[in-house]
Amino acid sequence: MSKKSKSLTNKAGEVRELTRADFKNAKPLRDAFPAMAAYARSRANKGEPTKQAVSIRLSPEVIGYFKSKGLGWQTRIDVALKAFVEAAR
């Protein structure tokens, strides 16, 4: 006997509150999305140094500029700072 699972979103696309049954029936990422799991594993095993979380105060102009270019703005700030460090050596 198979039950029809309740949709996780409503007509507006908003996610409903998850229940214990939702978590009980959840599949591991590697089973539900094998390609995504393989990609995540490949990214984790590159041996690249991890970044460190810090709090930094930047001017509104700097943040506005990098955010205006879209997603990845924090990475672009990191690249710009790395270029500055290399030029200063």
PDB file of N, CA and C in Angstrom:
ATOM      1  N   MET A   1       0.844  -1.177   0.000  1.00  0.00           N
ATOM      2  CA  MET A   1       0.000   0.000   0.000  1.00  0.00           C
ATOM      3  C   MET A   1       0.891   1.243   0.000  1.00  0.00           C
ATOM      4  N   SER A   2       0.760   2.071  -1.022  1.00  0.00           N
ATOM      5  CA  SER A   2       1.601   3.272  -1.088  1.00  0.00           C
ATOM      6  C   SER A   2       0.761   4.507  -0.831  1.00  0.00           C
ATOM      7  N   LYS A   3       1.270   5.358   0.024  1.00  0.00           N
ATOM      8  CA  LYS A   3       0.606   6.619   0.309  1.00  0.00           C
ATOM      9  C   LYS A   3       1.183   7.687  -0.593  1.00  0.00           C
ATOM     10  N   LYS A   4       0.349   8.591  -1.040  1.00  0.00           N
ATOM     11  CA  LYS A   4       0.851   9.719  -1.809  1.00  0.00           C
ATOM     12  C   LYS A   4       1.475  10.697  -0.818  1.00  0.00           C
ATOM     13  N   SER A   5       2.727  11.077  -1.063  1.00  0.00           N
ATOM     14  CA  SER A   5       3.397  11.979  -0.135  1.00  0.00           C
ATOM     15  C   SER A   5       2.846  13.391  -0.292  1.00  0.00           C
ATOM     16  N   LYS A   6       2.795  14.086   0.817  1.00  0.00           N
ATOM     17  CA  LYS A   6       2.307  15.452   0.832  1.00  0.00           C
ATOM     18  C   LYS A   6       3.371  16.362   0.234  1.00  0.00           C
ATOM     19  N   SER A   7       2.972  17.265  -0.630  1.00  0.00           N
ATOM     20  CA  SER A   7       3.912  18.185  -1.272  1.00  0.00           C
ATOM     21  C   SER A   7       4.624  19.035  -0.218  1.00  0.00           C
ATOM     22  N   LEU A   8       5.893  19.307  -0.457  1.00  0.00           N
ATOM     23  CA  LEU A   8       6.658  20.119   0.478  1.00  0.00           C
ATOM     24  C   LEU A   8       6.405  21.612   0.300  1.00  0.00           C
ATOM     25  N   THR A   9       5.778  21.984  -0.829  1.00  0.00           N
ATOM     26  CA  THR A   9       5.513  23.397  -1.079  1.00  0.00           C
ATOM     27  C   THR A   9       4.038  23.621  -1.378  1.00  0.00           C
ATOM     28  N   ASN A  10       3.591  24.862  -1.153  1.00  0.00           N
ATOM     29  CA  ASN A  10       2.223  25.211  -1.503  1.00  0.00           C
ATOM     30  C   ASN A  10       2.186  25.787  -2.920  1.00  0.00           C
ATOM     31  N   LYS A  11       1.040  26.257  -3.347  1.00  0.00           N
ATOM     32  CA  LYS A  11       0.921  26.777  -4.717  1.00  0.00           C
ATOM     33  C   LYS A  11       1.788  27.999  -4.962  1.00  0.00           C
ATOM     34  N   ALA A  12       2.095  28.740  -3.898  1.00  0.00           N
ATOM     35  CA  ALA A  12       2.941  29.928  -4.034  1.00  0.00           C
ATOM     36  C   ALA A  12       4.429  29.572  -4.015  1.00  0.00           C
ATOM     37  N   GLY A  13       4.739  28.283  -3.806  1.00  0.00           N
ATOM     38  CA  GLY A  13       6.119  27.850  -3.796  1.00  0.00           C
ATOM     39  C   GLY A  13       6.795  27.946  -2.441  1.00  0.00           C
ATOM     40  N   GLU A  14       6.024  28.251  -1.412  1.00  0.00           N
ATOM     41  CA  GLU A  14       6.591  28.348  -0.069  1.00  0.00           C
ATOM     42  C   GLU A  14       6.674  26.964   0.552  1.00  0.00           C
ATOM     43  N   VAL A  15       7.771  26.696   1.230  1.00  0.00           N
ATOM     44  CA  VAL A  15       7.976  25.395   1.854  1.00  0.00           C
ATOM     45  C   VAL A  15       7.179  25.325   3.152  1.00  0.00           C
ATOM     46  N   ARG A  16       6.450  24.218   3.317  1.00  0.00           N
ATOM     47  CA  ARG A  16       5.679  24.029   4.545  1.00  0.00           C
ATOM     48  C   ARG A  16       6.594  23.543   5.657  1.00  0.00           C
ATOM     49  N   GLU A  17       6.106  23.576   6.882  1.00  0.00           N
ATOM     50  CA  GLU A  17       6.878  23.068   8.017  1.00  0.00           C
ATOM     51  C   GLU A  17       7.011  21.553   7.875  1.00  0.00           C
ATOM     52  N   LEU A  18       8.224  21.056   8.031  1.00  0.00           N
ATOM     53  CA  LEU A  18       8.465  19.622   7.895  1.00  0.00           C
ATOM     54  C   LEU A  18       8.042  18.881   9.160  1.00  0.00           C
ATOM     55  N   THR A  19       7.560  17.669   8.957  1.00  0.00           N
ATOM     56  CA  THR A  19       7.093  16.851  10.069  1.00  0.00           C
ATOM     57  C   THR A  19       8.108  15.757  10.379  1.00  0.00           C
ATOM     58  N   ARG A  20       7.877  15.044  11.474  1.00  0.00           N
ATOM     59  CA  ARG A  20       8.734  13.898  11.805  1.00  0.00           C
ATOM     60  C   ARG A  20       8.675  12.860  10.688  1.00  0.00           C
ATOM     61  N   ALA A  21       7.511  12.680  10.108  1.00  0.00           N
ATOM     62  CA  ALA A  21       7.363  11.708   9.012  1.00  0.00           C
ATOM     63  C   ALA A  21       8.209  12.113   7.807  1.00  0.00           C
ATOM     64  N   ASP A  22       8.283  13.422   7.529  1.00  0.00           N
ATOM     65  CA  ASP A  22       9.115  13.898   6.425  1.00  0.00           C
ATOM     66  C   ASP A  22      10.570  13.506   6.646  1.00  0.00           C
ATOM     67  N   PHE A  23      11.057  13.726   7.853  1.00  0.00           N
ATOM     68  CA  PHE A  23      12.445  13.384   8.161  1.00  0.00           C
ATOM     69  C   PHE A  23      12.654  11.874   8.153  1.00  0.00           C
ATOM     70  N   LYS A  24      11.659  11.136   8.625  1.00  0.00           N
ATOM     71  CA  LYS A  24      11.765   9.674   8.643  1.00  0.00           C
ATOM     72  C   LYS A  24      11.870   9.124   7.222  1.00  0.00           C
ATOM     73  N   ASN A  25      11.169   9.733   6.292  1.00  0.00           N
ATOM     74  CA  ASN A  25      11.137   9.259   4.908  1.00  0.00           C
ATOM     75  C   ASN A  25      12.219   9.888   4.026  1.00  0.00           C
ATOM     76  N   ALA A  26      13.019  10.774   4.586  1.00  0.00           N
ATOM     77  CA  ALA A  26      14.052  11.452   3.799  1.00  0.00           C
ATOM     78  C   ALA A  26      15.136  10.467   3.376  1.00  0.00           C
ATOM     79  N   LYS A  27      15.701  10.722   2.191  1.00  0.00           N
ATOM     80  CA  LYS A  27      16.791   9.893   1.668  1.00  0.00           C
ATOM     81  C   LYS A  27      18.104  10.649   1.822  1.00  0.00           C
ATOM     82  N   PRO A  28      19.213   9.930   1.989  1.00  0.00           N
ATOM     83  CA  PRO A  28      20.513  10.593   2.008  1.00  0.00           C
ATOM     84  C   PRO A  28      20.787  11.258   0.654  1.00  0.00           C
ATOM     85  N   LEU A  29      21.559  12.315   0.673  1.00  0.00           N
ATOM     86  CA  LEU A  29      21.887  13.040  -0.561  1.00  0.00           C
ATOM     87  C   LEU A  29      22.449  12.103  -1.618  1.00  0.00           C
ATOM     88  N   ARG A  30      23.346  11.188  -1.212  1.00  0.00           N
ATOM     89  CA  ARG A  30      23.981  10.286  -2.184  1.00  0.00           C
ATOM     90  C   ARG A  30      22.963   9.408  -2.900  1.00  0.00           C
ATOM     91  N   ASP A  31      21.815   9.126  -2.259  1.00  0.00           N
ATOM     92  CA  ASP A  31      20.766   8.311  -2.896  1.00  0.00           C
ATOM     93  C   ASP A  31      19.804   9.161  -3.720  1.00  0.00           C
ATOM     94  N   ALA A  32      19.467  10.328  -3.202  1.00  0.00           N
ATOM     95  CA  ALA A  32      18.487  11.179  -3.881  1.00  0.00           C
ATOM     96  C   ALA A  32      19.085  11.911  -5.080  1.00  0.00           C
ATOM     97  N   PHE A  33      20.327  12.381  -4.939  1.00  0.00           N
ATOM     98  CA  PHE A  33      20.983  13.154  -5.992  1.00  0.00           C
ATOM     99  C   PHE A  33      22.437  12.707  -6.112  1.00  0.00           C
ATOM    100  N   PRO A  34      22.700  11.565  -6.726  1.00  0.00           N
ATOM    101  CA  PRO A  34      24.060  11.036  -6.778  1.00  0.00           C
ATOM    102  C   PRO A  34      25.074  11.984  -7.413  1.00  0.00           C
ATOM    103  N   ALA A  35      24.698  12.672  -8.467  1.00  0.00           N
ATOM    104  CA  ALA A  35      25.641  13.576  -9.136  1.00  0.00           C
ATOM    105  C   ALA A  35      26.019  14.736  -8.215  1.00  0.00           C
ATOM    106  N   MET A  36      25.046  15.268  -7.498  1.00  0.00           N
ATOM    107  CA  MET A  36      25.313  16.369  -6.584  1.00  0.00           C
ATOM    108  C   MET A  36      26.215  15.903  -5.442  1.00  0.00           C
ATOM    109  N   ALA A  37      25.981  14.697  -4.943  1.00  0.00           N
ATOM    110  CA  ALA A  37      26.804  14.152  -3.869  1.00  0.00           C
ATOM    111  C   ALA A  37      28.238  13.947  -4.348  1.00  0.00           C
ATOM    112  N   ALA A  38      28.399  13.465  -5.573  1.00  0.00           N
ATOM    113  CA  ALA A  38      29.741  13.257  -6.128  1.00  0.00           C
ATOM    114  C   ALA A  38      30.461  14.594  -6.273  1.00  0.00           C
ATOM    115  N   TYR A  39      29.746  15.620  -6.712  1.00  0.00           N
ATOM    116  CA  TYR A  39      30.336  16.951  -6.851  1.00  0.00           C
ATOM    117  C   TYR A  39      30.779  17.474  -5.483  1.00  0.00           C
ATOM    118  N   ALA A  40      29.928  17.311  -4.476  1.00  0.00           N
ATOM    119  CA  ALA A  40      30.269  17.781  -3.131  1.00  0.00           C
ATOM    120  C   ALA A  40      31.502  17.054  -2.605  1.00  0.00           C
ATOM    121  N   ARG A  41      31.589  15.751  -2.860  1.00  0.00           N
ATOM    122  CA  ARG A  41      32.763  14.994  -2.420  1.00  0.00           C
ATOM    123  C   ARG A  41      34.015  15.476  -3.144  1.00  0.00           C
ATOM    124  N   SER A  42      33.899  15.760  -4.439  1.00  0.00           N
ATOM    125  CA  SER A  42      35.068  16.199  -5.200  1.00  0.00           C
ATOM    126  C   SER A  42      35.554  17.547  -4.707  1.00  0.00           C
ATOM    127  N   ARG A  43      34.640  18.425  -4.328  1.00  0.00           N
ATOM    128  CA  ARG A  43      35.020  19.741  -3.811  1.00  0.00           C
ATOM    129  C   ARG A  43      35.692  19.605  -2.448  1.00  0.00           C
ATOM    130  N   ALA A  44      35.230  18.669  -1.639  1.00  0.00           N
ATOM    131  CA  ALA A  44      35.772  18.504  -0.290  1.00  0.00           C
ATOM    132  C   ALA A  44      37.147  17.864  -0.300  1.00  0.00           C
ATOM    133  N   ASN A  45      37.465  17.120  -1.339  1.00  0.00           N
ATOM    134  CA  ASN A  45      38.716  16.370  -1.364  1.00  0.00           C
ATOM    135  C   ASN A  45      39.809  17.023  -2.204  1.00  0.00           C
ATOM    136  N   LYS A  46      39.677  18.288  -2.528  1.00  0.00           N
ATOM    137  CA  LYS A  46      40.676  18.949  -3.368  1.00  0.00           C
ATOM    138  C   LYS A  46      41.960  19.269  -2.622  1.00  0.00           C
ATOM    139  N   GLY A  47      41.919  19.243  -1.309  1.00  0.00           N
ATOM    140  CA  GLY A  47      43.104  19.552  -0.544  1.00  0.00           C
ATOM    141  C   GLY A  47      43.435  21.032  -0.509  1.00  0.00           C
ATOM    142  N   GLU A  48      42.515  21.858  -0.943  1.00  0.00           N
ATOM    143  CA  GLU A  48      42.732  23.301  -0.920  1.00  0.00           C
ATOM    144  C   GLU A  48      42.603  23.799   0.520  1.00  0.00           C
ATOM    145  N   PRO A  49      43.358  24.828   0.868  1.00  0.00           N
ATOM    146  CA  PRO A  49      43.206  25.366   2.218  1.00  0.00           C
ATOM    147  C   PRO A  49      41.797  25.928   2.407  1.00  0.00           C
ATOM    148  N   THR A  50      41.258  25.714   3.579  1.00  0.00           N
ATOM    149  CA  THR A  50      39.920  26.225   3.846  1.00  0.00           C
ATOM    150  C   THR A  50      40.006  27.711   4.175  1.00  0.00           C
ATOM    151  N   LYS A  51      38.933  28.397   3.926  1.00  0.00           N
ATOM    152  CA  LYS A  51      38.883  29.819   4.255  1.00  0.00           C
ATOM    153  C   LYS A  51      38.505  29.967   5.721  1.00  0.00           C
ATOM    154  N   GLN A  52      38.837  31.096   6.290  1.00  0.00           N
ATOM    155  CA  GLN A  52      38.516  31.377   7.681  1.00  0.00           C
ATOM    156  C   GLN A  52      37.431  32.434   7.736  1.00  0.00           C
ATOM    157  N   ALA A  53      36.462  32.226   8.604  1.00  0.00           N
ATOM    158  CA  ALA A  53      35.398  33.202   8.794  1.00  0.00           C
ATOM    159  C   ALA A  53      35.912  34.334   9.668  1.00  0.00           C
ATOM    160  N   VAL A  54      35.712  35.566   9.214  1.00  0.00           N
ATOM    161  CA  VAL A  54      36.096  36.750   9.982  1.00  0.00           C
ATOM    162  C   VAL A  54      34.993  37.790   9.856  1.00  0.00           C
ATOM    163  N   SER A  55      35.007  38.720  10.743  1.00  0.00           N
ATOM    164  CA  SER A  55      34.089  39.853  10.656  1.00  0.00           C
ATOM    165  C   SER A  55      34.910  41.055  10.233  1.00  0.00           C
ATOM    166  N   ILE A  56      34.474  41.751   9.201  1.00  0.00           N
ATOM    167  CA  ILE A  56      35.222  42.896   8.678  1.00  0.00           C
ATOM    168  C   ILE A  56      34.235  44.006   8.348  1.00  0.00           C
ATOM    169  N   ARG A  57      34.644  45.229   8.613  1.00  0.00           N
ATOM    170  CA  ARG A  57      33.787  46.373   8.312  1.00  0.00           C
ATOM    171  C   ARG A  57      34.300  47.017   7.026  1.00  0.00           C
ATOM    172  N   LEU A  58      33.437  47.089   6.034  1.00  0.00           N
ATOM    173  CA  LEU A  58      33.796  47.679   4.737  1.00  0.00           C
ATOM    174  C   LEU A  58      32.870  48.861   4.461  1.00  0.00           C
ATOM    175  N   SER A  59      33.338  49.769   3.630  1.00  0.00           N
ATOM    176  CA  SER A  59      32.514  50.932   3.294  1.00  0.00           C
ATOM    177  C   SER A  59      31.317  50.490   2.444  1.00  0.00           C
ATOM    178  N   PRO A  60      30.224  51.227   2.545  1.00  0.00           N
ATOM    179  CA  PRO A  60      29.035  50.894   1.744  1.00  0.00           C
ATOM    180  C   PRO A  60      29.322  50.877   0.242  1.00  0.00           C
ATOM    181  N   GLU A  61      30.253  51.739  -0.205  1.00  0.00           N
ATOM    182  CA  GLU A  61      30.582  51.778  -1.638  1.00  0.00           C
ATOM    183  C   GLU A  61      31.226  50.469  -2.096  1.00  0.00           C
ATOM    184  N   VAL A  62      32.115  49.927  -1.264  1.00  0.00           N
ATOM    185  CA  VAL A  62      32.787  48.672  -1.613  1.00  0.00           C
ATOM    186  C   VAL A  62      31.772  47.536  -1.657  1.00  0.00           C
ATOM    187  N   ILE A  63      30.970  47.423  -0.620  1.00  0.00           N
ATOM    188  CA  ILE A  63      29.974  46.352  -0.578  1.00  0.00           C
ATOM    189  C   ILE A  63      28.979  46.510  -1.724  1.00  0.00           C
ATOM    190  N   GLY A  64      28.523  47.727  -1.958  1.00  0.00           N
ATOM    191  CA  GLY A  64      27.567  47.976  -3.036  1.00  0.00           C
ATOM    192  C   GLY A  64      28.113  47.580  -4.394  1.00  0.00           C
ATOM    193  N   TYR A  65      29.381  47.913  -4.637  1.00  0.00           N
ATOM    194  CA  TYR A  65      29.992  47.569  -5.919  1.00  0.00           C
ATOM    195  C   TYR A  65      30.030  46.055  -6.123  1.00  0.00           C
ATOM    196  N   PHE A  66      30.560  45.333  -5.143  1.00  0.00           N
ATOM    197  CA  PHE A  66      30.706  43.888  -5.308  1.00  0.00           C
ATOM    198  C   PHE A  66      29.349  43.180  -5.345  1.00  0.00           C
ATOM    199  N   LYS A  67      28.386  43.633  -4.537  1.00  0.00           N
ATOM    200  CA  LYS A  67      27.057  43.013  -4.560  1.00  0.00           C
ATOM    201  C   LYS A  67      26.332  43.289  -5.882  1.00  0.00           C
ATOM    202  N   SER A  68      26.610  44.450  -6.486  1.00  0.00           N
ATOM    203  CA  SER A  68      25.927  44.803  -7.736  1.00  0.00           C
ATOM    204  C   SER A  68      26.302  43.867  -8.880  1.00  0.00           C
ATOM    205  N   LYS A  69      27.403  43.147  -8.728  1.00  0.00           N
ATOM    206  CA  LYS A  69      27.849  42.214  -9.766  1.00  0.00           C
ATOM    207  C   LYS A  69      27.200  40.837  -9.626  1.00  0.00           C
ATOM    208  N   GLY A  70      26.385  40.655  -8.581  1.00  0.00           N
ATOM    209  CA  GLY A  70      25.637  39.402  -8.428  1.00  0.00           C
ATOM    210  C   GLY A  70      26.238  38.450  -7.414  1.00  0.00           C
ATOM    211  N   LEU A  71      25.749  37.211  -7.472  1.00  0.00           N
ATOM    212  CA  LEU A  71      26.197  36.187  -6.542  1.00  0.00           C
ATOM    213  C   LEU A  71      27.703  35.995  -6.649  1.00  0.00           C
ATOM    214  N   GLY A  72      28.301  35.617  -5.536  1.00  0.00           N
ATOM    215  CA  GLY A  72      29.746  35.413  -5.511  1.00  0.00           C
ATOM    216  C   GLY A  72      30.508  36.665  -5.115  1.00  0.00           C
ATOM    217  N   TRP A  73      29.803  37.650  -4.586  1.00  0.00           N
ATOM    218  CA  TRP A  73      30.460  38.927  -4.271  1.00  0.00           C
ATOM    219  C   TRP A  73      31.540  38.769  -3.206  1.00  0.00           C
ATOM    220  N   GLN A  74      31.338  37.881  -2.243  1.00  0.00           N
ATOM    221  CA  GLN A  74      32.348  37.690  -1.204  1.00  0.00           C
ATOM    222  C   GLN A  74      33.612  37.054  -1.800  1.00  0.00           C
ATOM    223  N   THR A  75      33.433  36.132  -2.729  1.00  0.00           N
ATOM    224  CA  THR A  75      34.569  35.509  -3.397  1.00  0.00           C
ATOM    225  C   THR A  75      35.333  36.543  -4.206  1.00  0.00           C
ATOM    226  N   ARG A  76      34.613  37.452  -4.871  1.00  0.00           N
ATOM    227  CA  ARG A  76      35.290  38.492  -5.646  1.00  0.00           C
ATOM    228  C   ARG A  76      36.090  39.435  -4.748  1.00  0.00           C
ATOM    229  N   ILE A  77      35.566  39.718  -3.554  1.00  0.00           N
ATOM    230  CA  ILE A  77      36.334  40.534  -2.607  1.00  0.00           C
ATOM    231  C   ILE A  77      37.602  39.783  -2.211  1.00  0.00           C
ATOM    232  N   ASP A  78      37.486  38.476  -1.973  1.00  0.00           N
ATOM    233  CA  ASP A  78      38.649  37.658  -1.621  1.00  0.00           C
ATOM    234  C   ASP A  78      39.696  37.698  -2.735  1.00  0.00           C
ATOM    235  N   VAL A  79      39.262  37.575  -3.983  1.00  0.00           N
ATOM    236  CA  VAL A  79      40.182  37.611  -5.124  1.00  0.00           C
ATOM    237  C   VAL A  79      40.872  38.973  -5.205  1.00  0.00           C
ATOM    238  N   ALA A  80      40.122  40.045  -4.999  1.00  0.00           N
ATOM    239  CA  ALA A  80      40.703  41.388  -5.053  1.00  0.00           C
ATOM    240  C   ALA A  80      41.738  41.574  -3.946  1.00  0.00           C
ATOM    241  N   LEU A  81      41.445  41.074  -2.763  1.00  0.00           N
ATOM    242  CA  LEU A  81      42.397  41.194  -1.660  1.00  0.00           C
ATOM    243  C   LEU A  81      43.639  40.339  -1.894  1.00  0.00           C
ATOM    244  N   LYS A  82      43.482  39.165  -2.482  1.00  0.00           N
ATOM    245  CA  LYS A  82      44.643  38.327  -2.811  1.00  0.00           C
ATOM    246  C   LYS A  82      45.533  39.042  -3.829  1.00  0.00           C
ATOM    247  N   ALA A  83      44.921  39.686  -4.829  1.00  0.00           N
ATOM    248  CA  ALA A  83      45.692  40.417  -5.838  1.00  0.00           C
ATOM    249  C   ALA A  83      46.468  41.560  -5.179  1.00  0.00           C
ATOM    250  N   PHE A  84      45.837  42.240  -4.219  1.00  0.00           N
ATOM    251  CA  PHE A  84      46.526  43.309  -3.506  1.00  0.00           C
ATOM    252  C   PHE A  84      47.718  42.767  -2.738  1.00  0.00           C
ATOM    253  N   VAL A  85      47.532  41.645  -2.044  1.00  0.00           N
ATOM    254  CA  VAL A  85      48.633  41.031  -1.274  1.00  0.00           C
ATOM    255  C   VAL A  85      49.785  40.654  -2.195  1.00  0.00           C
ATOM    256  N   GLU A  86      49.488  40.060  -3.339  1.00  0.00           N
ATOM    257  CA  GLU A  86      50.544  39.663  -4.285  1.00  0.00           C
ATOM    258  C   GLU A  86      51.290  40.888  -4.828  1.00  0.00           C
ATOM    259  N   ALA A  87      50.556  41.948  -5.120  1.00  0.00           N
ATOM    260  CA  ALA A  87      51.189  43.163  -5.647  1.00  0.00           C
ATOM    261  C   ALA A  87      52.061  43.845  -4.602  1.00  0.00           C
ATOM    262  N   ALA A  88      51.689  43.683  -3.330  1.00  0.00           N
ATOM    263  CA  ALA A  88      52.422  44.333  -2.255  1.00  0.00           C
ATOM    264  C   ALA A  88      53.691  43.576  -1.866  1.00  0.00           C
ATOM    265  N   ARG A  89      53.848  42.356  -2.331  1.00  0.00           N
ATOM    266  CA  ARG A  89      55.026  41.556  -1.957  1.00  0.00           C
ATOM    267  C   ARG A  89      56.259  41.972  -2.718  1.00  0.00           C
TER     268      ARG A  89
END
